[in-house]
Protein backbone atom coordinates (compact mmCIF):
# COMPACT_ATOMS: atom_id res chain seq x y z
CA MET A 1 -250.85 -26.01 46.28
CA LYS A 2 -247.83 -27.66 44.07
CA ASN A 3 -247.57 -24.15 42.21
CA LYS A 4 -246.77 -22.48 45.71
CA ILE A 5 -244.53 -24.77 46.99
CA LYS A 6 -242.99 -24.03 43.56
CA VAL A 7 -243.28 -20.50 43.81
CA TRP A 8 -241.18 -20.80 47.28
CA LEU A 9 -238.52 -22.80 46.32
CA GLY A 10 -237.87 -20.52 43.52
CA ALA A 11 -237.91 -17.18 45.51
CA THR A 12 -235.71 -19.17 48.30
CA VAL A 13 -233.16 -20.56 45.37
CA ALA A 14 -233.07 -16.38 44.07
CA VAL A 15 -232.55 -15.01 47.61
CA MET A 16 -229.51 -17.96 47.99
CA SER A 17 -228.50 -16.57 44.84
CA VAL A 18 -228.46 -13.17 45.73
CA SER A 19 -226.76 -13.63 49.09
CA VAL A 20 -224.03 -15.49 47.77
CA GLN A 21 -223.38 -12.66 45.37
CA SER A 22 -223.57 -10.28 47.74
CA VAL A 23 -221.17 -12.19 50.17
CA PHE A 24 -218.04 -12.56 47.26
CA ALA A 25 -218.97 -8.77 46.78
CA GLN A 26 -217.34 -7.94 50.10
CA SER A 27 -214.12 -7.40 51.68
CA ASP A 28 -211.99 -10.50 52.45
CA GLY A 29 -212.42 -9.65 55.90
CA THR A 30 -216.57 -10.30 55.45
CA VAL A 31 -215.72 -13.47 53.26
CA GLN A 32 -213.19 -14.94 56.44
CA GLN A 33 -215.92 -14.05 58.75
CA VAL A 34 -218.97 -15.65 56.50
CA PHE A 35 -216.79 -18.97 56.19
CA SER A 36 -215.27 -18.76 60.03
CA GLY A 37 -216.90 -22.24 60.78
CA PHE A 38 -215.44 -23.97 57.66
CA HIS A 39 -212.46 -22.79 58.53
CA GLN A 40 -212.44 -23.69 61.80
CA PHE A 41 -213.80 -27.16 60.88
CA ALA A 42 -211.02 -27.65 58.46
CA ASP A 43 -208.40 -26.57 60.81
CA GLY A 44 -205.20 -29.11 60.22
CA PHE A 45 -204.64 -29.39 56.99
CA LYS A 46 -201.86 -26.81 56.59
CA VAL A 47 -199.06 -26.98 58.78
CA ASN A 48 -197.20 -23.50 59.58
CA GLU A 49 -193.51 -22.91 60.31
CA GLU A 50 -192.50 -22.23 63.52
CA GLU A 51 -194.25 -20.27 65.68
CA ALA A 52 -192.51 -17.82 68.36
CA ASP A 53 -193.61 -19.64 71.66
CA ASP A 54 -194.35 -23.37 72.51
CA SER A 55 -198.35 -22.05 73.24
CA LYS A 56 -198.97 -22.00 69.63
CA SER A 57 -200.30 -25.37 67.54
CA GLY A 58 -198.52 -24.59 64.25
CA ILE A 59 -201.45 -25.47 62.30
CA THR A 60 -203.62 -22.81 61.02
CA PRO A 61 -207.32 -23.06 58.81
CA LEU A 62 -207.32 -23.19 55.71
CA THR A 63 -208.08 -19.34 53.26
CA MET A 64 -210.12 -19.24 50.29
CA GLY A 65 -207.11 -19.89 48.29
CA CYS A 66 -206.12 -23.12 49.70
CA ILE A 67 -209.08 -25.09 49.03
CA ARG A 68 -206.73 -26.57 46.44
CA GLN A 69 -203.71 -27.33 47.23
CA LYS A 70 -200.51 -27.22 45.64
CA GLY A 71 -199.18 -31.08 46.42
CA ASN A 72 -196.61 -30.28 48.56
CA ARG A 73 -195.77 -29.00 51.57
CA GLU A 74 -193.91 -25.67 52.10
CA PHE A 75 -191.75 -26.27 55.21
CA PRO A 76 -190.66 -29.11 57.09
CA TYR A 77 -193.16 -30.96 60.24
CA PRO A 78 -192.77 -30.96 63.46
CA VAL A 79 -190.81 -28.03 63.99
CA LYS A 80 -190.32 -25.91 66.94
CA GLY A 81 -194.17 -24.74 68.50
CA HIS A 82 -196.05 -27.71 66.54
CA GLU A 83 -198.24 -29.77 68.32
CA VAL A 84 -196.84 -33.32 68.25
CA ILE A 85 -199.79 -35.87 68.28
CA THR A 86 -197.54 -39.27 68.90
CA ASN A 87 -194.12 -40.53 70.07
CA PRO A 88 -192.50 -40.98 67.97
CA PRO A 89 -193.31 -38.05 65.79
CA VAL A 90 -193.22 -38.57 61.65
CA PHE A 91 -190.65 -36.15 60.28
CA THR A 92 -192.27 -34.77 57.19
CA TRP A 93 -190.01 -31.98 54.75
CA PRO A 94 -190.73 -30.45 50.85
CA MET A 95 -190.42 -32.93 48.20
CA ALA A 96 -187.58 -31.30 46.39
CA ASP A 97 -188.39 -32.74 43.12
CA TYR A 98 -192.19 -32.40 43.07
CA GLU A 99 -194.01 -30.85 39.85
CA TYR A 100 -197.44 -29.95 40.63
CA PRO A 101 -198.80 -31.07 37.17
CA LYS A 102 -200.23 -28.59 35.20
CA VAL A 103 -203.17 -30.45 32.79
CA PHE A 104 -205.95 -32.97 34.37
CA PRO A 105 -206.14 -35.54 34.37
CA VAL A 106 -202.04 -35.92 35.06
CA LYS A 107 -200.43 -37.59 32.48
CA LYS A 108 -199.12 -41.27 34.31
CA VAL A 109 -194.90 -41.13 34.13
CA SER A 110 -193.60 -44.83 34.32
CA GLY A 111 -190.13 -45.58 36.71
CA LYS A 112 -190.79 -42.21 38.74
CA THR A 113 -189.93 -44.24 41.92
CA ASP A 114 -186.52 -45.17 40.57
CA ARG A 115 -185.83 -41.33 39.54
CA CYS A 116 -187.06 -39.53 42.19
CA LEU A 117 -184.36 -38.15 44.69
CA GLN A 118 -183.04 -39.85 47.62
CA TYR A 119 -182.92 -37.94 51.29
CA ASP A 120 -180.95 -38.06 54.41
CA PHE A 121 -181.99 -37.64 57.74
CA GLN A 122 -180.17 -36.64 61.14
CA MET A 123 -181.62 -36.26 64.75
CA GLY A 124 -180.09 -35.69 67.79
CA ARG A 125 -180.36 -33.98 71.42
CA THR A 126 -177.57 -31.45 70.17
CA ARG A 127 -177.72 -28.64 67.87
CA ASN A 128 -174.10 -30.00 66.49
CA PHE A 129 -175.50 -33.74 66.88
CA SER A 130 -172.67 -34.85 68.83
CA ASP A 131 -174.78 -36.75 70.93
CA LYS A 132 -174.48 -40.30 72.36
CA ASP A 133 -178.14 -40.58 70.91
CA VAL A 134 -177.34 -38.51 67.43
CA LEU A 135 -179.04 -40.88 64.64
CA THR A 136 -178.37 -40.74 60.87
CA ARG A 137 -180.59 -42.40 57.88
CA THR A 138 -179.41 -42.30 54.64
CA GLY A 139 -181.23 -43.17 50.80
CA LEU A 140 -184.37 -42.95 52.11
CA LYS A 141 -186.85 -42.45 48.87
CA LEU A 142 -189.49 -40.65 50.56
CA ALA A 143 -189.71 -37.18 52.06
CA PHE A 144 -190.54 -38.41 56.14
CA TYR A 145 -189.04 -40.38 58.63
CA ASN A 146 -190.55 -42.77 60.84
CA ASN A 147 -188.63 -44.13 63.58
CA HIS A 148 -190.78 -46.51 64.75
CA LYS A 149 -189.57 -46.17 68.25
CA PRO A 150 -190.43 -43.77 70.65
CA LEU A 151 -187.78 -41.09 71.70
CA LYS A 152 -186.68 -39.93 74.80
CA PRO A 153 -189.16 -37.04 76.04
CA GLY A 154 -187.08 -33.70 75.74
CA THR A 155 -185.64 -31.29 72.98
CA TRP A 156 -184.96 -33.08 70.05
CA TYR A 157 -182.96 -31.49 67.15
CA TRP A 158 -183.05 -32.90 63.11
CA ARG A 159 -182.54 -31.95 59.66
CA TYR A 160 -182.72 -33.49 56.22
CA ARG A 161 -181.39 -33.05 53.00
CA VAL A 162 -180.87 -34.32 49.33
CA SER A 163 -178.50 -36.84 49.55
CA GLY A 164 -175.18 -35.81 48.29
CA LYS A 165 -175.99 -31.89 48.86
CA SER A 166 -176.22 -29.56 51.52
CA TRP A 167 -178.07 -30.12 54.99
CA SER A 168 -181.01 -28.01 55.93
CA LYS A 169 -181.10 -25.90 58.87
CA VAL A 170 -181.48 -27.16 62.63
CA TYR A 171 -184.69 -27.84 63.69
CA GLU A 172 -186.02 -28.30 67.19
CA VAL A 173 -189.14 -30.03 68.59
CA ASN A 174 -190.59 -31.11 72.01
CA ILE A 175 -191.47 -34.24 73.01
CA PRO A 176 -194.06 -34.40 75.80
CA GLU A 177 -193.75 -36.62 78.71
CA ASN A 178 -196.88 -38.25 78.53
CA LEU A 179 -197.24 -38.22 74.66
CA PRO A 180 -198.73 -41.33 73.52
CA LYS A 181 -196.46 -43.94 72.27
CA PHE A 182 -197.37 -45.01 68.58
CA GLN A 183 -194.46 -47.87 68.24
CA SER A 184 -193.82 -50.63 65.38
CA PRO A 185 -191.27 -52.60 63.89
CA ASN A 186 -189.40 -50.81 61.52
CA ALA A 187 -189.87 -51.87 57.81
CA GLU A 188 -186.77 -54.44 57.65
CA GLU A 189 -187.89 -56.13 61.11
CA ALA A 190 -191.52 -56.38 59.73
CA TYR A 191 -190.23 -57.88 56.24
CA ASP A 192 -188.58 -60.70 58.22
CA MET A 193 -192.29 -60.91 60.14
CA ILE A 194 -193.43 -62.04 56.84
CA PRO A 195 -194.31 -65.98 56.96
CA GLU A 196 -192.19 -68.24 54.20
CA LYS A 197 -194.67 -70.28 53.14
CA HIS A 198 -198.21 -69.58 51.36
CA PRO A 199 -201.00 -68.64 52.26
CA ARG A 200 -199.57 -66.17 54.07
CA ILE A 201 -202.14 -63.84 54.28
CA PHE A 202 -205.16 -65.92 53.06
CA GLY A 203 -205.19 -69.00 55.27
CA GLU A 204 -207.74 -71.16 56.37
CA ALA A 205 -210.53 -69.05 57.89
CA ILE A 206 -212.14 -71.15 60.39
CA SER A 207 -209.21 -72.92 61.81
CA GLY A 208 -211.24 -75.14 64.31
CA LYS A 209 -213.30 -72.80 65.97
CA VAL A 210 -217.12 -73.00 67.25
CA LEU A 211 -219.00 -70.37 64.78
CA THR A 212 -220.87 -67.98 66.44
CA ALA A 213 -224.27 -67.51 64.52
CA ASP A 214 -222.87 -64.01 62.68
CA GLN A 215 -219.95 -66.43 61.53
CA LYS A 216 -222.53 -69.50 60.34
CA GLN A 217 -224.39 -66.45 58.49
CA LEU A 218 -221.21 -65.44 56.83
CA ARG A 219 -219.98 -68.78 55.70
CA ALA A 220 -223.67 -69.71 54.21
CA SER A 221 -223.53 -66.11 52.35
CA TYR A 222 -219.76 -67.00 51.20
CA ARG A 223 -221.11 -70.44 50.23
CA ARG A 224 -223.99 -69.10 47.99
CA ALA A 225 -221.73 -66.66 46.20
CA ALA A 226 -218.93 -69.34 45.37
CA ASN A 227 -222.24 -71.62 44.36
CA ALA A 228 -223.36 -68.87 41.73
CA ALA A 229 -219.68 -68.26 40.39
CA LEU A 230 -219.39 -72.01 39.81
CA ASN A 231 -222.05 -71.84 37.25
CA LYS A 232 -220.63 -68.74 35.28
CA GLU A 233 -218.79 -68.24 32.15
CA VAL A 234 -216.58 -65.95 31.11
CA ALA A 235 -218.94 -64.72 28.63
CA SER A 236 -221.55 -64.08 31.05
CA TYR A 237 -219.76 -61.14 32.42
CA LYS A 238 -219.32 -59.56 29.08
CA VAL A 239 -221.62 -56.27 29.91
CA LYS A 240 -224.51 -56.40 27.21
CA GLY A 241 -225.36 -53.30 25.00
CA ASP A 242 -225.98 -51.96 21.83
CA PRO A 243 -223.09 -52.09 18.99
CA ILE A 244 -220.89 -49.16 19.23
CA PRO A 245 -222.26 -46.43 16.61
CA ALA A 246 -220.81 -46.27 13.43
CA THR A 247 -220.63 -42.30 13.83
CA ALA A 248 -218.68 -42.89 17.33
CA SER A 249 -215.07 -41.05 17.27
CA GLU A 250 -212.20 -42.86 18.40
CA VAL A 251 -212.42 -41.18 21.94
CA GLU A 252 -215.83 -42.00 22.39
CA ARG A 253 -214.89 -45.89 21.27
CA LYS A 254 -212.27 -46.14 23.57
CA GLN A 255 -214.32 -44.69 26.17
CA ILE A 256 -216.96 -47.61 25.60
CA MET A 257 -214.77 -50.37 25.26
CA GLN A 258 -212.63 -49.29 29.01
CA PHE A 259 -215.90 -49.41 30.29
CA ARG A 260 -217.01 -52.71 29.16
CA LEU A 261 -213.82 -54.01 30.23
CA ARG A 262 -213.86 -52.58 33.88
CA TYR A 263 -217.33 -54.05 34.68
CA GLU A 264 -216.50 -57.58 32.85
CA VAL A 265 -213.32 -57.90 34.66
CA GLU A 266 -214.53 -56.17 38.12
CA GLY A 267 -217.60 -58.90 38.50
CA ILE A 268 -214.63 -61.69 37.63
CA ASN A 269 -212.39 -60.33 40.07
CA ARG A 270 -215.31 -60.43 42.48
CA ASP A 271 -216.28 -63.83 42.13
CA ILE A 272 -212.71 -65.11 42.40
CA GLU A 273 -212.50 -63.91 45.96
CA HIS A 274 -215.95 -65.50 46.54
CA LEU A 275 -214.41 -68.57 44.99
CA LEU A 276 -211.44 -68.15 46.98
CA ASN A 277 -213.03 -67.50 50.51
CA GLY A 278 -216.18 -70.42 49.97
CA TYR A 279 -212.72 -72.79 49.18
CA ARG A 280 -211.00 -71.43 52.57
CA LEU A 281 -214.35 -71.82 54.67
CA ILE A 282 -215.69 -75.10 53.48
CA SER A 283 -212.08 -76.73 51.54
CA ASN A 284 -214.19 -77.50 48.41
CA LYS A 285 -211.70 -77.98 45.42
CA GLU A 286 -214.51 -77.01 42.96
CA TYR A 287 -214.22 -73.78 44.37
CA LEU A 288 -210.21 -73.21 44.01
CA ASP A 289 -210.23 -74.63 40.55
CA LYS A 290 -212.96 -72.21 39.35
CA ALA A 291 -210.65 -69.35 41.06
CA VAL A 292 -207.47 -70.61 39.06
CA ALA A 293 -209.67 -70.51 36.06
CA LEU A 294 -210.89 -67.16 35.70
CA ALA A 295 -207.60 -66.19 37.55
CA ASP A 296 -205.92 -67.57 34.40
CA TYR A 297 -208.31 -65.21 32.27
CA ILE A 298 -207.30 -62.37 34.19
CA ALA A 299 -203.71 -62.96 33.76
CA ALA A 300 -203.78 -63.13 29.95
CA LYS A 301 -204.72 -59.52 29.73
CA GLU A 302 -202.18 -56.48 29.24
CA PRO A 303 -201.79 -55.12 32.72
CA ALA A 304 -200.62 -51.99 31.83
CA ALA A 305 -203.21 -51.37 29.89
CA MET A 306 -205.46 -52.02 31.98
CA TYR A 307 -204.25 -50.17 34.85
CA ALA A 308 -204.18 -47.46 32.29
CA ALA A 309 -207.75 -47.74 31.61
CA ALA A 310 -208.90 -47.79 35.21
CA ASP A 311 -207.02 -47.59 38.03
CA PHE A 312 -209.55 -49.61 40.73
CA THR A 313 -209.95 -52.27 37.94
CA GLY A 314 -205.98 -52.64 37.52
CA ALA A 315 -205.47 -52.82 41.41
CA LYS A 316 -208.25 -54.95 42.04
CA SER A 317 -207.16 -57.79 39.16
CA MET A 318 -203.73 -57.40 40.78
CA SER A 319 -205.25 -57.87 44.17
CA ALA A 320 -207.63 -61.25 42.62
CA LEU A 321 -203.80 -62.53 41.32
CA SER A 322 -202.05 -61.91 44.57
CA MET A 323 -204.72 -63.66 46.49
CA THR A 324 -204.87 -66.74 44.25
CA TYR A 325 -201.27 -67.25 44.12
CA ASP A 326 -201.42 -66.73 48.01
CA VAL A 327 -204.09 -69.83 48.84
CA ALA A 328 -203.56 -71.79 45.47
CA TYR A 329 -199.88 -71.45 45.43
CA ALA A 330 -199.17 -75.16 45.98
CA TYR A 331 -201.57 -75.92 43.21
CA LEU A 332 -200.04 -73.45 40.57
CA ASN A 333 -198.02 -74.78 37.66
CA GLU A 334 -194.82 -72.83 37.06
CA GLN A 335 -196.03 -71.14 34.16
CA GLN A 336 -198.89 -69.85 35.95
CA LYS A 337 -197.10 -68.65 38.72
CA LYS A 338 -195.07 -66.73 35.79
CA ASN A 339 -198.25 -64.84 33.98
CA TYR A 340 -199.74 -64.43 37.43
CA LYS A 341 -196.22 -62.52 38.84
CA HIS A 342 -196.06 -60.50 35.82
CA PHE A 343 -199.18 -58.83 36.31
CA ILE A 344 -198.80 -58.30 39.88
CA THR A 345 -195.54 -56.83 40.07
CA THR A 346 -196.30 -54.72 36.53
CA VAL A 347 -199.18 -53.18 38.27
CA ILE A 348 -197.24 -52.36 41.79
CA GLY A 349 -194.96 -50.98 40.41
CA LEU A 350 -197.19 -48.61 38.06
CA ILE A 351 -199.11 -47.77 41.73
CA ILE A 352 -196.17 -46.91 43.75
CA ASP A 353 -194.99 -44.52 40.14
CA ASP A 354 -198.28 -42.95 40.59
CA ALA A 355 -198.03 -42.78 44.34
CA MET A 356 -194.58 -40.88 44.23
CA GLN A 357 -195.68 -38.37 41.36
CA GLU A 358 -198.49 -37.55 43.61
CA ASN A 359 -195.85 -37.10 46.20
CA VAL A 360 -197.33 -39.50 49.13
CA GLY A 361 -194.47 -39.08 51.16
CA SER A 362 -194.98 -35.31 51.81
CA ALA A 363 -198.49 -33.97 50.40
CA ASP A 364 -199.92 -30.73 52.14
CA GLY A 365 -203.62 -31.50 52.12
CA ILE A 366 -205.92 -34.03 50.59
CA LEU A 367 -203.72 -37.10 50.05
CA CYS A 368 -203.81 -39.15 46.90
CA ALA A 369 -207.29 -40.28 47.36
CA HIS A 370 -207.90 -43.63 45.23
CA PHE A 371 -204.36 -44.56 46.76
CA PHE A 372 -205.47 -44.54 50.33
CA GLN A 373 -209.05 -45.74 49.25
CA HIS A 374 -208.35 -48.94 48.05
CA THR A 375 -205.57 -49.72 45.75
CA PHE A 376 -203.01 -49.57 49.13
CA TYR A 377 -204.05 -52.62 50.62
CA ASN A 378 -204.08 -54.49 46.95
CA ALA A 379 -200.73 -53.14 46.32
CA PHE A 380 -199.24 -54.03 49.93
CA THR A 381 -200.86 -57.35 50.28
CA SER A 382 -199.15 -58.36 46.74
CA ALA A 383 -196.06 -56.88 48.03
CA ILE A 384 -196.10 -59.60 50.79
CA VAL A 385 -197.49 -62.31 48.50
CA MET A 386 -194.81 -61.41 46.41
CA LYS A 387 -191.61 -61.76 49.07
CA GLY A 388 -189.18 -64.01 47.69
CA HIS A 389 -190.59 -64.44 44.03
CA ASP A 390 -189.18 -61.15 42.93
CA VAL A 391 -186.60 -59.00 43.86
CA GLN A 392 -188.41 -55.77 44.46
CA ALA A 393 -190.82 -57.13 46.54
CA GLU A 394 -189.10 -55.85 49.64
CA LYS A 395 -188.42 -52.79 48.22
CA TRP A 396 -192.10 -52.14 47.92
CA PHE A 397 -192.93 -53.61 51.35
CA GLY A 398 -191.00 -51.08 52.99
CA MET A 399 -192.14 -48.07 51.10
CA LEU A 400 -195.94 -48.97 52.02
CA TYR A 401 -195.52 -50.39 55.29
CA ASP A 402 -194.17 -47.12 55.91
CA ILE A 403 -196.46 -45.21 54.13
CA TRP A 404 -199.39 -46.47 56.02
CA LEU A 405 -198.01 -46.01 59.62
CA SER A 406 -196.81 -42.63 58.47
CA ARG A 407 -199.02 -40.92 56.24
CA SER A 408 -202.23 -42.11 56.93
CA PRO A 409 -204.95 -41.01 58.56
CA GLY A 410 -204.82 -37.16 57.58
CA GLY A 411 -201.39 -37.06 56.84
CA GLY A 412 -199.69 -38.17 59.70
CA PHE A 413 -200.29 -34.44 61.77
CA LEU A 414 -204.19 -35.12 62.42
CA SER A 415 -205.89 -36.21 65.72
CA ASP A 416 -209.26 -34.87 65.53
CA GLY A 417 -210.77 -38.03 63.79
CA VAL A 418 -212.35 -36.05 61.58
CA TRP A 419 -211.99 -37.17 57.84
CA PRO A 420 -210.11 -34.69 55.67
CA ASN A 421 -212.30 -33.87 53.17
CA GLY A 422 -215.36 -34.46 54.76
CA ASN A 423 -217.20 -36.75 56.87
CA MET A 424 -220.54 -37.53 54.86
CA GLY A 425 -218.86 -38.88 51.98
CA TYR A 426 -215.29 -40.35 51.32
CA ILE A 427 -215.09 -41.45 54.57
CA HIS A 428 -216.93 -44.48 54.00
CA VAL A 429 -214.92 -45.30 50.86
CA ASN A 430 -211.75 -45.15 53.11
CA MET A 431 -213.61 -47.46 55.78
CA GLU A 432 -213.10 -51.05 54.22
CA SER A 433 -209.33 -50.03 53.65
CA MET A 434 -208.78 -48.71 57.30
CA VAL A 435 -210.64 -51.82 59.00
CA ASN A 436 -208.72 -54.32 56.34
CA ASN A 437 -205.24 -52.86 57.02
CA PHE A 438 -205.80 -53.35 60.97
CA ILE A 439 -206.39 -57.00 60.43
CA LEU A 440 -203.38 -57.10 58.27
CA PHE A 441 -200.85 -55.05 60.56
CA ARG A 442 -202.19 -56.85 63.92
CA ASN A 443 -202.07 -60.34 62.24
CA LEU A 444 -198.56 -59.90 60.53
CA PHE A 445 -196.53 -57.71 62.32
CA ASN A 446 -198.62 -57.10 66.06
CA VAL A 447 -199.12 -53.69 65.36
CA ASN A 448 -202.69 -52.26 66.65
CA ILE A 449 -203.02 -48.92 63.98
CA PHE A 450 -206.29 -47.96 65.83
CA LYS A 451 -203.84 -46.96 69.13
CA HIS A 452 -203.27 -43.64 66.56
CA PRO A 453 -205.27 -40.49 68.40
CA TRP A 454 -206.93 -40.04 65.19
CA TYR A 455 -208.74 -43.55 65.55
CA ALA A 456 -209.13 -42.79 69.51
CA ASN A 457 -211.29 -39.33 68.56
CA CYS A 458 -213.04 -40.80 65.39
CA ALA A 459 -216.18 -42.23 67.55
CA ASN A 460 -216.60 -38.93 68.50
CA ALA A 461 -215.77 -37.30 64.95
CA LEU A 462 -218.85 -39.49 63.54
CA ALA A 463 -221.08 -38.56 66.17
CA TYR A 464 -220.66 -35.07 66.06
CA THR A 465 -220.78 -34.85 62.44
CA MET A 466 -224.01 -36.23 62.20
CA PRO A 467 -226.31 -33.94 64.04
CA VAL A 468 -229.77 -35.47 64.95
CA HIS A 469 -232.23 -36.42 62.46
CA SER A 470 -229.84 -35.45 59.58
CA ALA A 471 -227.68 -37.74 57.12
CA GLY A 472 -224.69 -35.77 58.33
CA ASP A 473 -223.54 -31.98 58.56
CA GLY A 474 -223.12 -30.93 54.91
CA PHE A 475 -219.34 -30.26 54.74
CA GLY A 476 -217.23 -32.56 52.25
CA ASP A 477 -217.30 -33.92 48.47
CA GLY A 478 -220.52 -35.05 47.26
CA SER A 479 -222.54 -33.68 50.54
CA ASP A 480 -225.14 -32.69 48.27
CA LYS A 481 -225.90 -36.02 47.49
CA VAL A 482 -226.54 -37.62 50.61
CA TYR A 483 -230.05 -38.31 52.15
CA GLU A 484 -229.91 -40.76 54.59
CA VAL A 485 -227.43 -42.02 57.28
CA ASN A 486 -224.46 -44.38 55.41
CA ARG A 487 -224.77 -47.61 57.55
CA LEU A 488 -221.08 -48.26 57.24
CA ARG A 489 -221.24 -45.44 59.83
CA ALA A 490 -222.82 -47.19 62.71
CA GLU A 491 -220.49 -50.38 61.85
CA PHE A 492 -217.15 -48.73 61.61
CA ALA A 493 -218.00 -47.07 65.39
CA TYR A 494 -219.01 -50.56 66.79
CA ILE A 495 -215.78 -52.04 65.35
CA LEU A 496 -213.42 -49.32 66.83
CA LEU A 497 -215.43 -49.63 70.10
CA SER A 498 -215.35 -53.66 70.00
CA ILE A 499 -211.46 -53.14 69.71
CA THR A 500 -211.02 -50.37 72.46
CA LEU A 501 -213.40 -52.60 74.67
CA MET A 502 -211.62 -55.79 74.18
CA SER A 503 -211.69 -57.12 77.48
CA CYS A 504 -215.27 -56.31 77.80
CA PRO A 505 -217.97 -59.19 76.69
CA ALA A 506 -220.15 -58.57 74.16
CA ASN A 507 -222.97 -58.58 75.65
CA ARG A 508 -222.05 -55.53 77.76
CA LEU A 509 -220.84 -53.55 74.79
CA PRO A 510 -222.30 -49.94 74.63
CA LEU A 511 -225.47 -49.98 72.00
CA HIS A 512 -224.97 -53.84 71.51
CA SER A 513 -228.60 -54.37 71.52
CA LEU A 514 -229.23 -51.96 68.82
CA LEU A 515 -226.03 -52.73 66.59
CA ARG A 516 -226.75 -56.43 66.51
CA LYS A 517 -229.67 -55.73 64.60
CA LEU A 518 -228.15 -54.09 61.57
CA THR A 519 -227.52 -56.70 58.65
CA LEU A 520 -223.55 -56.96 59.08
CA THR A 521 -221.28 -56.84 56.68
CA PRO A 522 -218.70 -59.84 56.24
CA ILE A 523 -215.96 -57.42 57.24
CA VAL A 524 -218.00 -56.78 60.71
CA CYS A 525 -218.68 -60.42 61.28
CA SER A 526 -215.41 -61.51 60.91
CA ILE A 527 -213.86 -58.70 62.58
CA VAL A 528 -215.71 -58.05 65.83
CA ARG A 529 -217.09 -61.62 66.54
CA GLY A 530 -214.53 -63.26 65.22
CA ARG A 531 -211.24 -61.87 66.83
């Protein structure tokens, strides 16, 4: 029987192989026909230039030659013929000094942010910008503009330029009457809304509320994790293994040391967070003292070298130090604050330099993956914590604040709720970041980012891209390695539903009886039950 199965599988693979080879031997028309479903699903990566009339969406599907994007859009958005999904829209144009990397992995360039060209932007109700509604902004660091406040319905004209150069042609866009409003304070207003005193973000977690059963479970889990961390010494985090062979090359030796550094440091970062959350929940000073001791160990490392070795590790270390700075500010001495600040500000600068090098402002296609998965939130919270402690904090904050509201999710012009590079894999990596940023923007700036049309359609997209009795639709990075439904899908959908139906009692939410049987993650417990 096993032999028959092997023969059947071998024959199937052979037939598939021949079929694929025959398809690619056909004309371009045949290839396009075979991949028409893929093209339709991936619709939205690339935005066309002006259409002849307003009946077109301005969005065209990928072609076979566009699967790897070149990293810079070829024309502005939105212009006449483009579908505008929010009011205000995000005006975007090509980055003038972007250079597509010739070698991968990309060589990092420090100081990129300060060397990038800047832009001016102008919009109004007349082509010559002589009307009373005309608006001009100068010295923009990123190749986009978000007005933050809704525009009057009707026709608007706009243009841009590299600061000090000639203006672009004048573009026209129509703002429909009933377009969903997605408004927010501008970056300057939002910066002024950040509390002056610490803790700014990571304050007391309970605040005298009567705890629900889920919150009690969450508190108990943090207490267990914090208690376990209390008994650990730094040496216990080190990766155990055989000595590096004497025959190892310099490259191999460096990779092994980077691996060991990453897993040692990330374990310490997790326990710093556990200890600080334990302190926030039950005010046990032992937790805080231990967290500070571990943070001192991290702060003594070289930040640029750590970030270069592993960007997630450097960013998470920065985040752990920022959380400690915020929670323990009143207990830290001046030397500790100086050490933490040096590490934090060094890594924030490197993260933003990388994002600028990858053209986070106007990239066309899948945006800076690691940046939006984790490092954005790490850098954004760190910039907030650094307000008043570093002269560059306001610049960093303004750029990051605008980037999240303007370029996420899907580059700022997608509304279908489907993750650009597939709903089976990388959407799950981004879910924690999306929820964390929802909380941050809601609590500090009174902005509900889940009102964006993309989030409004996301729950349906999660269902549509997971056919019954399947782990997904097979589209996207890593889909060949997915064999079961990721639990985060249901939890993320539950969070979206709960926030959308805030006025609906929890015991009447659809599927509540099913979803509450899941092993809820801390993020679900703290958001859904504790709002």
